């Protein structure tokens, strides 16, 4: 029994022949710096070779033809996407601190802080909240210095506890009679543990 030996030439003859371009795939580099276009020459006749797997690659290449002076810049390769999600302008002329709350919750927070300050005389809160509630406390003291029924009803509509309003209107004359403003004082203290928020004491003068 004669043993048949397999050689490379016999295997190559058994495979179907695919006509390839004599030049093969050609890659062009303008000015010898950056690739701008990848061109692969295909045969005009014969079986078409299989396309290579591109996976999640974009249909259009990132690099496009550009001049020699722009060859070192990649700004033209990126598109600015603006969907309105993170766009914000400067808040010129808007002096109302938002305190990371919608308007109704922000007003309720400031009303509660003002009530607590007028009740205890001194509270501890964040610096942003203390600065925001300062003008409301001064306004309540100004309403109490007027002393009219209309001003009392305005104070009753803002302060949560009725007894505090009556006590404020009764004691404001002897305490702030000769003062024309600046009824509160903010004293900075150590940051809060946990989130390191700047804290402060706000108290009545």
N, C-alpha and C. Protein backbone atom coordinates (compact mmCIF):
# COMPACT_ATOMS: atom_id res chain seq x y z
N UNK A 1 0.88 -1.20 0.00
CA UNK A 1 0.00 0.00 0.00
C UNK A 1 0.90 1.21 0.00
N UNK A 2 0.68 2.05 -1.02
CA UNK A 2 1.55 3.23 -1.15
C UNK A 2 0.99 4.35 -0.30
N UNK A 3 1.85 4.95 0.48
CA UNK A 3 1.43 6.07 1.34
C UNK A 3 1.45 7.35 0.53
N UNK A 4 0.37 8.07 0.63
CA UNK A 4 0.27 9.35 -0.11
C UNK A 4 0.68 10.47 0.82
N UNK A 5 1.52 11.30 0.36
CA UNK A 5 1.99 12.44 1.15
C UNK A 5 1.30 13.70 0.66
N UNK A 6 0.87 14.51 1.63
CA UNK A 6 0.22 15.79 1.31
C UNK A 6 1.27 16.87 1.29
N UNK A 7 1.25 17.64 0.26
CA UNK A 7 2.19 18.74 0.15
C UNK A 7 1.41 20.05 0.08
N UNK A 8 2.12 21.16 0.25
CA UNK A 8 1.48 22.49 0.22
C UNK A 8 0.93 22.81 -1.15
N UNK A 9 1.59 22.30 -2.19
CA UNK A 9 1.11 22.58 -3.54
C UNK A 9 -0.19 21.87 -3.84
N UNK A 10 -0.35 20.65 -3.32
CA UNK A 10 -1.60 19.92 -3.55
C UNK A 10 -2.76 20.54 -2.79
N UNK A 11 -2.50 21.02 -1.58
CA UNK A 11 -3.55 21.70 -0.84
C UNK A 11 -3.94 23.01 -1.49
N UNK A 12 -2.99 23.75 -2.00
CA UNK A 12 -3.28 25.02 -2.64
C UNK A 12 -4.08 24.80 -3.92
N UNK A 13 -3.81 23.68 -4.64
CA UNK A 13 -4.55 23.41 -5.87
C UNK A 13 -5.97 23.00 -5.58
N UNK A 14 -6.20 22.38 -4.41
CA UNK A 14 -7.55 21.93 -4.08
C UNK A 14 -8.46 23.08 -3.66
N UNK A 15 -7.91 24.19 -3.14
CA UNK A 15 -8.72 25.33 -2.71
C UNK A 15 -9.18 26.14 -3.90
N UNK A 16 -10.38 26.78 -3.83
CA UNK A 16 -10.82 27.64 -4.93
C UNK A 16 -9.95 28.88 -5.00
N UNK A 17 -9.67 29.28 -6.21
CA UNK A 17 -8.78 30.43 -6.42
C UNK A 17 -9.56 31.72 -6.37
N UNK A 18 -9.00 32.74 -5.68
CA UNK A 18 -9.60 34.08 -5.59
C UNK A 18 -8.63 35.04 -6.21
N UNK A 19 -9.12 35.74 -7.23
CA UNK A 19 -8.23 36.68 -7.92
C UNK A 19 -8.06 37.91 -7.08
N UNK A 20 -6.85 38.27 -6.77
CA UNK A 20 -6.54 39.43 -5.95
C UNK A 20 -5.91 40.50 -6.82
N UNK A 21 -6.01 41.71 -6.36
CA UNK A 21 -5.42 42.83 -7.10
C UNK A 21 -3.91 42.74 -7.02
N UNK A 22 -3.23 43.01 -8.13
CA UNK A 22 -1.77 42.93 -8.06
C UNK A 22 -1.16 43.95 -7.12
N UNK A 23 -1.84 45.06 -7.01
CA UNK A 23 -1.28 46.09 -6.13
C UNK A 23 -1.64 45.86 -4.68
N UNK A 24 -2.80 45.15 -4.43
CA UNK A 24 -3.22 44.91 -3.06
C UNK A 24 -3.84 46.15 -2.47
N UNK A 25 -4.21 46.07 -1.20
CA UNK A 25 -4.81 47.26 -0.55
C UNK A 25 -3.81 48.39 -0.44
N UNK A 26 -4.30 49.56 -0.78
CA UNK A 26 -3.43 50.74 -0.76
C UNK A 26 -3.94 51.74 0.22
N UNK A 27 -3.05 52.30 1.02
CA UNK A 27 -3.38 53.31 2.01
C UNK A 27 -2.63 54.58 1.64
N UNK A 28 -3.32 55.71 1.58
CA UNK A 28 -2.73 56.96 1.17
C UNK A 28 -2.59 57.88 2.37
N UNK A 29 -1.47 58.51 2.54
CA UNK A 29 -1.20 59.45 3.62
C UNK A 29 -0.89 60.80 2.99
N UNK A 30 -1.75 61.81 3.12
CA UNK A 30 -1.42 63.13 2.57
C UNK A 30 -0.31 63.80 3.37
N UNK A 31 0.68 64.31 2.68
CA UNK A 31 1.83 65.01 3.28
C UNK A 31 2.62 64.13 4.23
N UNK A 32 2.33 62.83 4.23
CA UNK A 32 3.09 61.91 5.07
C UNK A 32 2.87 62.10 6.55
N UNK A 33 1.70 62.67 6.98
CA UNK A 33 1.51 62.95 8.41
C UNK A 33 0.37 62.13 9.00
N UNK A 34 -0.84 62.30 8.48
CA UNK A 34 -1.98 61.65 9.10
C UNK A 34 -2.79 60.93 8.05
N UNK A 35 -3.38 59.78 8.38
CA UNK A 35 -4.20 59.08 7.39
C UNK A 35 -5.51 59.81 7.20
N UNK A 36 -5.91 60.02 5.96
CA UNK A 36 -7.15 60.71 5.68
C UNK A 36 -8.17 59.82 5.00
N UNK A 37 -7.72 58.81 4.25
CA UNK A 37 -8.67 57.97 3.54
C UNK A 37 -8.08 56.58 3.35
N UNK A 38 -8.89 55.57 3.59
CA UNK A 38 -8.46 54.20 3.42
C UNK A 38 -9.18 53.63 2.22
N UNK A 39 -8.43 53.29 1.20
CA UNK A 39 -9.02 52.78 -0.03
C UNK A 39 -8.45 51.42 -0.34
N UNK A 40 -9.32 50.46 -0.50
CA UNK A 40 -8.91 49.09 -0.84
C UNK A 40 -9.41 48.81 -2.24
N UNK A 41 -8.50 48.47 -3.15
CA UNK A 41 -8.87 48.18 -4.53
C UNK A 41 -9.37 46.75 -4.65
N UNK A 42 -10.51 46.57 -5.34
CA UNK A 42 -11.11 45.27 -5.51
C UNK A 42 -11.01 44.85 -6.97
N UNK A 43 -11.01 43.56 -7.23
CA UNK A 43 -10.96 43.11 -8.62
C UNK A 43 -12.25 43.42 -9.35
N UNK A 44 -12.13 43.68 -10.64
CA UNK A 44 -13.30 44.00 -11.45
C UNK A 44 -14.11 42.76 -11.77
N UNK A 45 -13.48 41.59 -11.82
CA UNK A 45 -14.19 40.36 -12.13
C UNK A 45 -13.78 39.29 -11.14
N UNK A 46 -14.56 38.22 -11.11
CA UNK A 46 -14.23 37.13 -10.21
C UNK A 46 -15.05 37.20 -8.94
N UNK A 47 -14.90 36.23 -8.08
CA UNK A 47 -15.69 36.22 -6.83
C UNK A 47 -15.30 37.36 -5.92
N UNK A 48 -16.32 37.97 -5.28
CA UNK A 48 -16.09 39.12 -4.40
C UNK A 48 -15.62 38.65 -3.04
N UNK A 49 -14.54 39.19 -2.51
CA UNK A 49 -14.07 38.75 -1.18
C UNK A 49 -15.03 39.18 -0.09
N UNK A 50 -14.98 38.45 1.01
CA UNK A 50 -15.86 38.75 2.13
C UNK A 50 -15.44 40.04 2.80
N UNK A 51 -16.44 40.81 3.25
CA UNK A 51 -16.16 42.04 3.99
C UNK A 51 -15.62 41.72 5.37
N UNK A 52 -14.73 42.55 5.84
CA UNK A 52 -14.18 42.34 7.18
C UNK A 52 -15.18 42.78 8.23
N UNK A 53 -15.09 42.16 9.41
CA UNK A 53 -16.01 42.47 10.50
C UNK A 53 -15.61 43.79 11.15
N UNK A 54 -16.58 44.71 11.24
CA UNK A 54 -16.29 46.03 11.81
C UNK A 54 -16.89 46.19 13.19
N UNK A 55 -17.80 45.30 13.60
CA UNK A 55 -18.37 45.39 14.95
C UNK A 55 -19.17 46.66 15.13
N UNK A 56 -18.83 47.43 16.17
CA UNK A 56 -19.54 48.65 16.48
C UNK A 56 -18.85 49.88 15.91
N UNK A 57 -18.02 49.70 14.93
CA UNK A 57 -17.33 50.84 14.33
C UNK A 57 -18.32 51.70 13.57
N UNK A 58 -18.15 53.03 13.56
CA UNK A 58 -19.08 53.89 12.83
C UNK A 58 -18.98 53.67 11.34
N UNK A 59 -20.08 54.00 10.66
CA UNK A 59 -20.10 53.85 9.21
C UNK A 59 -19.13 54.80 8.56
N UNK A 60 -19.08 56.03 9.07
CA UNK A 60 -18.14 57.02 8.56
C UNK A 60 -16.91 57.06 9.45
N UNK A 61 -15.75 57.05 8.87
CA UNK A 61 -14.54 57.13 9.72
C UNK A 61 -14.44 58.47 10.41
N UNK A 62 -13.75 58.46 11.55
CA UNK A 62 -13.60 59.70 12.32
C UNK A 62 -12.73 60.71 11.60
N UNK A 63 -11.68 60.22 10.95
CA UNK A 63 -10.77 61.11 10.26
C UNK A 63 -11.31 61.41 8.88
N UNK A 64 -11.24 62.64 8.46
CA UNK A 64 -11.69 63.07 7.15
C UNK A 64 -10.57 63.87 6.52
N UNK A 65 -10.62 64.06 5.19
CA UNK A 65 -9.53 64.79 4.53
C UNK A 65 -9.44 66.22 5.04
N UNK A 66 -8.27 66.64 5.44
CA UNK A 66 -8.06 68.00 5.90
C UNK A 66 -6.69 68.45 5.44
N UNK A 67 -6.44 69.74 5.56
CA UNK A 67 -5.22 70.32 5.04
C UNK A 67 -4.06 70.07 5.97
N UNK A 68 -2.88 70.49 5.53
CA UNK A 68 -1.68 70.21 6.31
C UNK A 68 -1.62 71.02 7.58
N UNK A 69 -2.17 72.26 7.56
CA UNK A 69 -2.09 73.07 8.76
C UNK A 69 -3.04 72.60 9.83
N UNK A 70 -4.12 71.86 9.44
CA UNK A 70 -5.06 71.34 10.43
C UNK A 70 -4.77 69.90 10.79
N UNK A 71 -3.63 69.38 10.36
CA UNK A 71 -3.37 67.96 10.58
C UNK A 71 -3.13 67.63 12.04
N UNK A 72 -2.70 68.59 12.85
CA UNK A 72 -2.42 68.33 14.25
C UNK A 72 -3.60 68.64 15.15
N UNK A 73 -4.73 69.12 14.58
CA UNK A 73 -5.89 69.47 15.38
C UNK A 73 -6.99 68.45 15.16
N UNK A 74 -7.66 68.06 16.23
CA UNK A 74 -8.73 67.09 16.14
C UNK A 74 -10.09 67.70 16.48
N UNK A 75 -10.18 69.03 16.52
CA UNK A 75 -11.43 69.68 16.88
C UNK A 75 -12.50 69.46 15.83
N UNK A 76 -12.08 69.31 14.54
CA UNK A 76 -13.06 69.15 13.49
C UNK A 76 -13.69 67.76 13.51
N UNK A 77 -13.11 66.82 14.26
CA UNK A 77 -13.62 65.46 14.29
C UNK A 77 -14.79 65.28 15.25
N UNK A 78 -15.05 66.25 16.11
CA UNK A 78 -16.09 66.12 17.12
C UNK A 78 -17.22 67.09 16.84
N UNK A 79 -18.43 66.65 17.11
CA UNK A 79 -19.62 67.45 16.90
C UNK A 79 -20.17 67.89 18.24
N UNK A 80 -20.55 69.13 18.35
CA UNK A 80 -21.12 69.66 19.58
C UNK A 80 -22.58 69.24 19.66
N UNK A 81 -22.93 68.47 20.70
CA UNK A 81 -24.30 67.99 20.88
C UNK A 81 -24.93 68.78 22.01
N UNK A 82 -25.99 69.48 21.70
CA UNK A 82 -26.68 70.31 22.70
C UNK A 82 -28.13 69.88 22.73
N UNK A 83 -28.52 69.10 23.72
CA UNK A 83 -29.90 68.67 23.87
C UNK A 83 -30.64 69.45 24.95
N UNK A 84 -30.04 70.50 25.48
CA UNK A 84 -30.71 71.31 26.48
C UNK A 84 -30.66 70.75 27.87
N UNK A 85 -29.91 69.68 28.12
CA UNK A 85 -29.92 69.06 29.43
C UNK A 85 -29.01 69.74 30.43
N UNK A 86 -27.80 70.08 30.01
CA UNK A 86 -26.82 70.63 30.92
C UNK A 86 -26.49 72.07 30.59
N UNK A 87 -27.28 72.73 29.77
CA UNK A 87 -26.99 74.10 29.37
C UNK A 87 -27.54 75.06 30.41
N UNK A 88 -26.71 75.97 30.86
CA UNK A 88 -27.15 76.96 31.84
C UNK A 88 -26.38 78.24 31.60
N UNK A 89 -27.06 79.36 31.74
CA UNK A 89 -26.44 80.66 31.56
C UNK A 89 -26.23 81.31 32.92
N UNK A 90 -25.52 82.43 32.92
CA UNK A 90 -25.28 83.16 34.16
C UNK A 90 -26.56 83.83 34.64
N UNK A 91 -26.77 83.82 35.94
CA UNK A 91 -28.00 84.34 36.53
C UNK A 91 -27.82 85.83 36.87
N UNK A 92 -27.73 86.66 35.86
CA UNK A 92 -27.56 88.09 36.09
C UNK A 92 -28.87 88.69 36.61
N UNK A 93 -28.76 89.46 37.69
CA UNK A 93 -29.92 90.17 38.20
C UNK A 93 -30.88 89.32 38.99
N UNK A 94 -30.60 88.04 39.19
CA UNK A 94 -31.50 87.18 39.95
C UNK A 94 -30.86 86.94 41.32
N UNK A 95 -31.37 87.61 42.32
CA UNK A 95 -30.78 87.58 43.65
C UNK A 95 -31.45 86.58 44.57
N UNK A 96 -32.34 85.76 44.03
CA UNK A 96 -33.05 84.80 44.86
C UNK A 96 -32.24 83.51 44.90
N UNK A 97 -31.73 83.10 46.05
CA UNK A 97 -31.02 81.82 46.13
C UNK A 97 -32.00 80.66 46.01
N UNK A 98 -31.68 79.68 45.19
CA UNK A 98 -32.61 78.58 44.93
C UNK A 98 -32.58 77.51 46.02
N UNK A 99 -31.45 77.32 46.68
CA UNK A 99 -31.31 76.37 47.78
C UNK A 99 -31.65 74.94 47.35
N UNK A 100 -31.48 74.62 46.07
CA UNK A 100 -31.74 73.28 45.53
C UNK A 100 -33.16 72.80 45.80
N UNK A 101 -34.13 73.72 45.71
CA UNK A 101 -35.53 73.37 45.98
C UNK A 101 -36.44 74.12 45.02
N UNK A 102 -37.58 73.55 44.71
CA UNK A 102 -38.57 74.30 43.92
C UNK A 102 -39.14 75.46 44.72
N UNK A 103 -39.84 76.38 44.08
CA UNK A 103 -40.27 77.61 44.78
C UNK A 103 -41.15 77.37 46.00
N UNK A 104 -42.08 76.42 45.93
CA UNK A 104 -42.96 76.22 47.07
C UNK A 104 -42.23 75.63 48.28
N UNK A 105 -41.34 74.68 48.02
CA UNK A 105 -40.56 74.11 49.13
C UNK A 105 -39.56 75.11 49.68
N UNK A 106 -39.01 75.95 48.81
CA UNK A 106 -38.07 76.97 49.28
C UNK A 106 -38.76 77.99 50.17
N UNK A 107 -39.97 78.39 49.80
CA UNK A 107 -40.70 79.36 50.63
C UNK A 107 -41.09 78.74 51.97
N UNK A 108 -41.49 77.47 51.96
CA UNK A 108 -41.84 76.80 53.22
C UNK A 108 -40.61 76.66 54.12
N UNK A 109 -39.45 76.37 53.52
CA UNK A 109 -38.22 76.27 54.31
C UNK A 109 -37.86 77.60 54.95
N UNK A 110 -37.95 78.69 54.19
CA UNK A 110 -37.60 80.00 54.74
C UNK A 110 -38.61 80.45 55.79
N UNK A 111 -39.86 80.10 55.62
CA UNK A 111 -40.85 80.43 56.64
C UNK A 111 -40.58 79.68 57.94
N UNK A 112 -40.21 78.40 57.81
CA UNK A 112 -39.91 77.62 59.01
C UNK A 112 -38.67 78.12 59.72
N UNK A 113 -37.63 78.47 58.96
CA UNK A 113 -36.41 78.99 59.59
C UNK A 113 -36.66 80.34 60.26
N UNK A 114 -37.45 81.19 59.62
CA UNK A 114 -37.77 82.49 60.23
C UNK A 114 -38.56 82.32 61.52
N UNK A 115 -39.51 81.39 61.51
CA UNK A 115 -40.28 81.13 62.73
C UNK A 115 -39.41 80.62 63.86
N UNK A 116 -38.49 79.71 63.54
CA UNK A 116 -37.62 79.18 64.58
C UNK A 116 -36.66 80.24 65.12
N UNK A 117 -36.16 81.10 64.25
CA UNK A 117 -35.25 82.15 64.72
C UNK A 117 -35.96 83.14 65.63
N UNK A 118 -37.18 83.54 65.27
CA UNK A 118 -37.92 84.48 66.12
C UNK A 118 -38.38 83.81 67.41
N UNK A 119 -38.46 82.49 67.43
CA UNK A 119 -38.90 81.78 68.63
C UNK A 119 -37.76 81.57 69.61
N UNK A 120 -36.59 81.15 69.11
CA UNK A 120 -35.47 80.82 69.98
C UNK A 120 -34.40 81.90 70.02
N UNK A 121 -34.36 82.81 69.07
CA UNK A 121 -33.39 83.88 69.07
C UNK A 121 -32.07 83.52 68.42
N UNK A 122 -31.77 82.24 68.28
CA UNK A 122 -30.52 81.81 67.67
C UNK A 122 -30.68 80.37 67.19
N UNK A 123 -30.30 80.12 65.93
CA UNK A 123 -30.36 78.78 65.37
C UNK A 123 -29.08 78.52 64.57
N UNK A 124 -28.83 77.26 64.32
CA UNK A 124 -27.67 76.86 63.54
C UNK A 124 -28.15 76.23 62.24
N UNK A 125 -27.66 76.71 61.12
CA UNK A 125 -28.04 76.21 59.81
C UNK A 125 -26.88 76.43 58.85
N UNK A 126 -27.08 76.12 57.59
CA UNK A 126 -26.02 76.34 56.61
C UNK A 126 -25.91 77.83 56.29
N UNK A 127 -24.77 78.22 55.76
CA UNK A 127 -24.55 79.63 55.45
C UNK A 127 -25.48 80.12 54.35
N UNK A 128 -25.75 79.27 53.38
CA UNK A 128 -26.64 79.68 52.29
C UNK A 128 -28.05 79.93 52.81
N UNK A 129 -28.54 79.06 53.68
CA UNK A 129 -29.88 79.26 54.24
C UNK A 129 -29.92 80.46 55.17
N UNK A 130 -28.86 80.65 55.93
CA UNK A 130 -28.82 81.81 56.83
C UNK A 130 -28.83 83.12 56.06
N UNK A 131 -28.06 83.17 54.97
CA UNK A 131 -28.05 84.39 54.16
C UNK A 131 -29.38 84.60 53.45
N UNK A 132 -30.05 83.51 53.07
CA UNK A 132 -31.32 83.65 52.37
C UNK A 132 -32.45 84.09 53.29
N UNK A 133 -32.46 83.61 54.54
CA UNK A 133 -33.56 83.95 55.44
C UNK A 133 -33.36 85.29 56.14
N UNK A 134 -32.19 85.88 55.99
CA UNK A 134 -31.89 87.11 56.72
C UNK A 134 -32.84 88.25 56.37
N UNK A 135 -33.14 88.40 55.08
CA UNK A 135 -34.01 89.51 54.68
C UNK A 135 -35.45 89.30 55.12
N UNK A 136 -35.88 88.04 55.27
CA UNK A 136 -37.24 87.78 55.73
C UNK A 136 -37.40 88.09 57.21
N UNK A 137 -36.36 87.81 57.99
CA UNK A 137 -36.41 88.16 59.41
C UNK A 137 -36.44 89.68 59.57
N UNK A 138 -35.61 90.37 58.80
CA UNK A 138 -35.61 91.83 58.87
C UNK A 138 -36.96 92.42 58.45
N UNK A 139 -37.60 91.76 57.47
CA UNK A 139 -38.91 92.25 57.04
C UNK A 139 -39.96 92.06 58.12
N UNK A 140 -39.90 90.93 58.84
CA UNK A 140 -40.86 90.71 59.92
C UNK A 140 -40.69 91.72 61.05
N UNK A 141 -39.43 92.05 61.35
CA UNK A 141 -39.18 93.06 62.39
C UNK A 141 -39.67 94.43 61.93
N UNK A 142 -39.48 94.73 60.65
CA UNK A 142 -39.97 96.01 60.11
C UNK A 142 -41.49 96.09 60.16
N UNK A 143 -42.17 94.99 59.85
CA UNK A 143 -43.63 94.97 59.96
C UNK A 143 -44.07 95.17 61.40
N UNK A 144 -43.33 94.57 62.34
CA UNK A 144 -43.70 94.72 63.75
C UNK A 144 -43.47 96.14 64.25
N UNK A 145 -42.46 96.83 63.71
CA UNK A 145 -42.21 98.21 64.13
C UNK A 145 -43.30 99.15 63.64
N UNK A 146 -43.95 98.79 62.52
CA UNK A 146 -45.08 99.62 62.06
C UNK A 146 -46.27 99.47 63.00
N UNK A 147 -46.59 98.23 63.37
CA UNK A 147 -47.59 97.98 64.40
C UNK A 147 -49.03 98.05 63.96
N UNK A 148 -49.33 98.30 62.69
CA UNK A 148 -50.71 98.41 62.26
C UNK A 148 -51.34 97.02 62.11
N UNK A 149 -52.67 97.01 61.98
CA UNK A 149 -53.39 95.74 61.85
C UNK A 149 -53.06 95.05 60.53
N UNK A 150 -52.89 95.83 59.48
CA UNK A 150 -52.55 95.25 58.18
C UNK A 150 -51.18 94.58 58.21
N UNK A 151 -50.21 95.23 58.86
CA UNK A 151 -48.88 94.63 58.98
C UNK A 151 -48.90 93.38 59.86
N UNK A 152 -49.73 93.38 60.87
CA UNK A 152 -49.84 92.21 61.73
C UNK A 152 -50.42 91.02 60.95
N UNK A 153 -51.40 91.29 60.12
CA UNK A 153 -51.98 90.21 59.31
C UNK A 153 -50.98 89.70 58.26
N UNK A 154 -50.14 90.59 57.73
CA UNK A 154 -49.10 90.14 56.82
C UNK A 154 -48.09 89.24 57.53
N UNK A 155 -47.73 89.58 58.76
CA UNK A 155 -46.82 88.75 59.52
C UNK A 155 -47.46 87.41 59.90
N UNK A 156 -48.77 87.44 60.20
CA UNK A 156 -49.46 86.19 60.52
C UNK A 156 -49.55 85.26 59.31
N UNK A 157 -49.55 85.83 58.11
CA UNK A 157 -49.58 85.02 56.90
C UNK A 157 -48.23 84.42 56.54
N UNK A 158 -47.17 84.89 57.18
CA UNK A 158 -45.84 84.35 56.87
C UNK A 158 -45.32 83.47 57.98
N UNK A 159 -45.43 83.89 59.23
CA UNK A 159 -44.91 83.13 60.37
C UNK A 159 -45.93 82.06 60.74
N UNK A 160 -45.44 80.87 61.06
CA UNK A 160 -46.32 79.74 61.29
C UNK A 160 -47.05 79.82 62.64
N UNK A 161 -46.40 80.34 63.68
CA UNK A 161 -47.00 80.34 65.01
C UNK A 161 -47.54 81.72 65.35
N UNK A 162 -48.78 81.74 65.77
CA UNK A 162 -49.47 83.00 66.03
C UNK A 162 -48.92 83.70 67.27
N UNK A 163 -48.54 82.94 68.29
CA UNK A 163 -48.07 83.56 69.52
C UNK A 163 -46.75 84.30 69.31
N UNK A 164 -45.93 83.82 68.41
CA UNK A 164 -44.66 84.50 68.13
C UNK A 164 -44.91 85.86 67.49
N UNK A 165 -45.92 85.95 66.64
CA UNK A 165 -46.23 87.24 66.00
C UNK A 165 -46.68 88.26 67.04
N UNK A 166 -47.55 87.83 67.95
CA UNK A 166 -48.03 88.76 68.98
C UNK A 166 -46.89 89.17 69.92
N UNK A 167 -46.02 88.24 70.27
CA UNK A 167 -44.89 88.59 71.14
C UNK A 167 -43.91 89.52 70.42
N UNK A 168 -43.70 89.32 69.12
CA UNK A 168 -42.81 90.19 68.37
C UNK A 168 -43.35 91.60 68.27
N UNK A 169 -44.65 91.75 68.02
CA UNK A 169 -45.25 93.09 67.92
C UNK A 169 -45.28 93.79 69.28
N UNK A 170 -45.27 93.02 70.36
CA UNK A 170 -45.32 93.63 71.68
C UNK A 170 -43.93 94.09 72.15
N UNK A 171 -42.86 93.37 71.76
CA UNK A 171 -41.53 93.66 72.29
C UNK A 171 -40.61 94.38 71.32
N UNK A 172 -41.06 94.65 70.11
CA UNK A 172 -40.14 95.17 69.11
C UNK A 172 -39.77 96.63 69.38
N UNK A 173 -40.63 97.38 69.99
CA UNK A 173 -40.36 98.82 70.18
C UNK A 173 -39.23 99.05 71.16
N UNK A 174 -39.24 98.35 72.27
CA UNK A 174 -38.18 98.58 73.25
C UNK A 174 -36.86 97.89 72.86
N UNK A 175 -36.91 96.92 71.95
CA UNK A 175 -35.68 96.23 71.56
C UNK A 175 -35.04 96.84 70.32
N UNK A 176 -35.85 97.19 69.32
CA UNK A 176 -35.31 97.73 68.05
C UNK A 176 -35.90 99.09 67.73
N UNK A 177 -36.27 99.85 68.73
CA UNK A 177 -36.88 101.15 68.46
C UNK A 177 -35.92 102.12 67.80
N UNK A 178 -34.65 102.15 68.21
CA UNK A 178 -33.70 103.10 67.65
C UNK A 178 -32.80 102.50 66.58
N UNK A 179 -33.08 101.29 66.13
CA UNK A 179 -32.27 100.64 65.09
C UNK A 179 -33.02 100.67 63.77
N UNK A 180 -32.32 101.03 62.71
CA UNK A 180 -32.93 101.20 61.39
C UNK A 180 -32.67 100.03 60.45
N UNK A 181 -32.18 98.95 60.95
CA UNK A 181 -31.93 97.78 60.10
C UNK A 181 -30.82 96.94 60.68
N UNK A 182 -30.56 95.80 60.07
CA UNK A 182 -29.52 94.91 60.57
C UNK A 182 -29.92 94.26 61.87
N UNK A 183 -31.03 93.53 61.86
CA UNK A 183 -31.54 92.94 63.08
C UNK A 183 -30.99 91.54 63.35
N UNK A 184 -30.18 91.02 62.44
CA UNK A 184 -29.64 89.67 62.60
C UNK A 184 -28.11 89.70 62.46
N UNK A 185 -27.49 88.66 62.96
CA UNK A 185 -26.04 88.52 62.90
C UNK A 185 -25.71 87.07 62.52
N UNK A 186 -24.78 86.89 61.58
CA UNK A 186 -24.36 85.56 61.13
C UNK A 186 -22.95 85.31 61.62
N UNK A 187 -22.76 84.21 62.33
CA UNK A 187 -21.45 83.82 62.87
C UNK A 187 -21.07 82.48 62.24
N UNK A 188 -19.98 82.45 61.56
CA UNK A 188 -19.54 81.22 60.91
C UNK A 188 -18.98 80.25 61.94
N UNK A 189 -19.18 78.95 61.66
CA UNK A 189 -18.69 77.92 62.56
C UNK A 189 -18.09 76.79 61.73
N UNK A 190 -17.79 75.67 62.36
CA UNK A 190 -17.13 74.54 61.69
C UNK A 190 -18.07 73.90 60.66
N UNK A 191 -17.50 73.32 59.62
CA UNK A 191 -18.35 72.63 58.63
C UNK A 191 -19.07 71.44 59.23
N UNK A 192 -20.13 71.04 58.58
CA UNK A 192 -20.94 69.92 59.05
C UNK A 192 -20.26 68.60 58.73
N UNK A 193 -20.33 67.66 59.67
CA UNK A 193 -19.75 66.34 59.44
C UNK A 193 -20.60 65.57 58.43
N UNK A 194 -19.91 64.86 57.55
CA UNK A 194 -20.62 64.07 56.56
C UNK A 194 -20.46 64.64 55.18
N UNK A 195 -21.05 65.81 54.92
CA UNK A 195 -20.96 66.42 53.59
C UNK A 195 -20.08 67.67 53.58
N UNK A 196 -19.53 68.06 54.73
CA UNK A 196 -18.61 69.20 54.81
C UNK A 196 -19.26 70.51 54.36
N UNK A 197 -20.55 70.64 54.63
CA UNK A 197 -21.27 71.86 54.25
C UNK A 197 -20.89 73.00 55.20
N UNK A 198 -20.68 74.20 54.68
CA UNK A 198 -20.35 75.34 55.56
C UNK A 198 -21.54 75.71 56.43
N UNK A 199 -21.31 75.78 57.71
CA UNK A 199 -22.38 76.04 58.68
C UNK A 199 -22.18 77.43 59.31
N UNK A 200 -23.25 77.92 59.95
CA UNK A 200 -23.20 79.24 60.59
C UNK A 200 -24.34 79.33 61.61
N UNK A 201 -24.11 80.18 62.61
CA UNK A 201 -25.15 80.56 63.56
C UNK A 201 -25.76 81.89 63.10
N UNK A 202 -27.07 81.97 63.12
CA UNK A 202 -27.74 83.23 62.85
C UNK A 202 -28.57 83.57 64.09
N UNK A 203 -28.44 84.78 64.57
CA UNK A 203 -29.08 85.18 65.82
C UNK A 203 -29.61 86.60 65.69
N UNK A 204 -30.53 86.93 66.55
CA UNK A 204 -31.08 88.28 66.62
C UNK A 204 -30.12 89.17 67.40
N UNK A 205 -29.97 90.39 66.94
CA UNK A 205 -29.05 91.34 67.59
C UNK A 205 -29.68 91.83 68.87
